[in-house]
């Protein structure tokens, strides 16, 4: 019996998703991704009126600096009102 293995490597990622809190500029991973994208996330958020309120979703297609097809920022609402279940 011959057994062969594929070359290890990371799978292609089609989408990256990060939480965004209301009333804040992009923070945490959103801030890191914004920097990596050359400010594209902040620019898209401003143009779309995205504020991070609960239920809002911002989709950024073909973000510069990423191999992913899109980045989704999920509005989580006010940080003090996010439950453990919602956070994770």
Protein backbone atom coordinates (compact mmCIF):
# COMPACT_ATOMS: atom_id res chain seq x y z
CA UNK A 1 0.00 0.00 0.00
CA UNK A 2 1.32 3.43 -0.98
CA UNK A 3 0.39 6.39 1.17
CA UNK A 4 1.07 9.96 0.05
CA UNK A 5 0.49 13.23 1.82
CA UNK A 6 -0.41 16.62 0.42
CA UNK A 7 1.97 19.46 1.00
CA UNK A 8 0.93 21.18 4.24
CA UNK A 9 -0.36 24.70 3.96
CA UNK A 10 -3.05 27.02 5.18
CA UNK A 11 -6.39 26.76 3.40
CA UNK A 12 -7.53 29.71 1.29
CA UNK A 13 -9.63 32.03 3.40
CA UNK A 14 -12.65 33.54 1.68
CA UNK A 15 -13.77 35.84 4.49
CA UNK A 16 -12.42 37.28 7.72
CA UNK A 17 -14.88 38.34 10.42
CA UNK A 18 -14.28 40.65 13.38
CA UNK A 19 -16.50 42.24 16.04
CA UNK A 20 -16.83 46.03 16.12
CA UNK A 21 -18.14 47.86 19.17
CA UNK A 22 -20.47 50.85 19.00
CA UNK A 23 -19.23 54.32 19.81
CA UNK A 24 -15.57 53.54 19.22
CA UNK A 25 -13.16 54.07 16.43
CA UNK A 26 -11.96 50.77 15.03
CA UNK A 27 -10.18 48.96 17.86
CA UNK A 28 -8.55 45.62 18.53
CA UNK A 29 -8.31 43.34 15.52
CA UNK A 30 -10.35 45.85 13.48
CA UNK A 31 -7.63 48.45 14.04
CA UNK A 32 -4.92 45.96 13.09
CA UNK A 33 -6.76 45.00 9.90
CA UNK A 34 -7.45 48.65 9.11
CA UNK A 35 -3.73 49.41 9.32
CA UNK A 36 -2.87 46.37 7.18
CA UNK A 37 -5.44 47.47 4.57
CA UNK A 38 -3.99 50.97 4.38
CA UNK A 39 -7.05 52.51 6.04
CA UNK A 40 -9.60 50.83 3.77
CA UNK A 41 -11.79 49.60 6.65
CA UNK A 42 -12.12 53.04 8.25
CA UNK A 43 -12.83 54.60 4.87
CA UNK A 44 -15.51 51.98 4.08
CA UNK A 45 -17.06 52.34 7.55
CA UNK A 46 -17.32 56.11 7.15
CA UNK A 47 -18.78 55.87 3.64
CA UNK A 48 -21.37 53.29 4.73
CA UNK A 49 -22.31 55.00 7.99
CA UNK A 50 -21.15 51.93 9.94
CA UNK A 51 -21.03 52.72 13.66
CA UNK A 52 -20.78 49.25 15.23
CA UNK A 53 -24.36 49.27 16.49
CA UNK A 54 -25.76 45.80 17.22
CA UNK A 55 -26.87 44.06 14.05
CA UNK A 56 -24.90 46.22 11.62
CA UNK A 57 -22.64 44.42 9.15
CA UNK A 58 -19.98 46.04 7.01
CA UNK A 59 -18.65 44.01 4.09
CA UNK A 60 -15.40 45.15 2.48
CA UNK A 61 -14.71 43.34 -0.78
CA UNK A 62 -11.20 42.48 -1.99
CA UNK A 63 -9.40 44.30 0.84
CA UNK A 64 -5.89 45.46 -0.01
CA UNK A 65 -3.17 43.60 1.89
CA UNK A 66 -5.24 40.44 2.44
CA UNK A 67 -5.61 37.18 0.52
CA UNK A 68 -9.22 36.91 1.76
CA UNK A 69 -11.99 37.84 -0.67
CA UNK A 70 -13.75 39.99 1.92
CA UNK A 71 -13.72 41.29 5.48
CA UNK A 72 -16.91 41.44 7.52
CA UNK A 73 -17.17 43.72 10.55
CA UNK A 74 -20.04 42.71 12.80
CA UNK A 75 -21.62 45.46 14.87
CA UNK A 76 -21.86 44.27 18.49
CA UNK A 77 -23.43 47.37 20.05
CA UNK A 78 -22.39 48.98 23.31
CA UNK A 79 -19.54 47.03 24.95
CA UNK A 80 -21.26 47.03 28.35
CA UNK A 81 -24.33 45.34 26.84
CA UNK A 82 -22.56 42.53 24.97
CA UNK A 83 -23.22 39.17 26.62
CA UNK A 84 -20.67 36.39 26.95
CA UNK A 85 -22.66 34.32 24.45
CA UNK A 86 -22.60 37.13 21.87
CA UNK A 87 -18.89 37.76 22.41
CA UNK A 88 -17.78 34.36 21.76
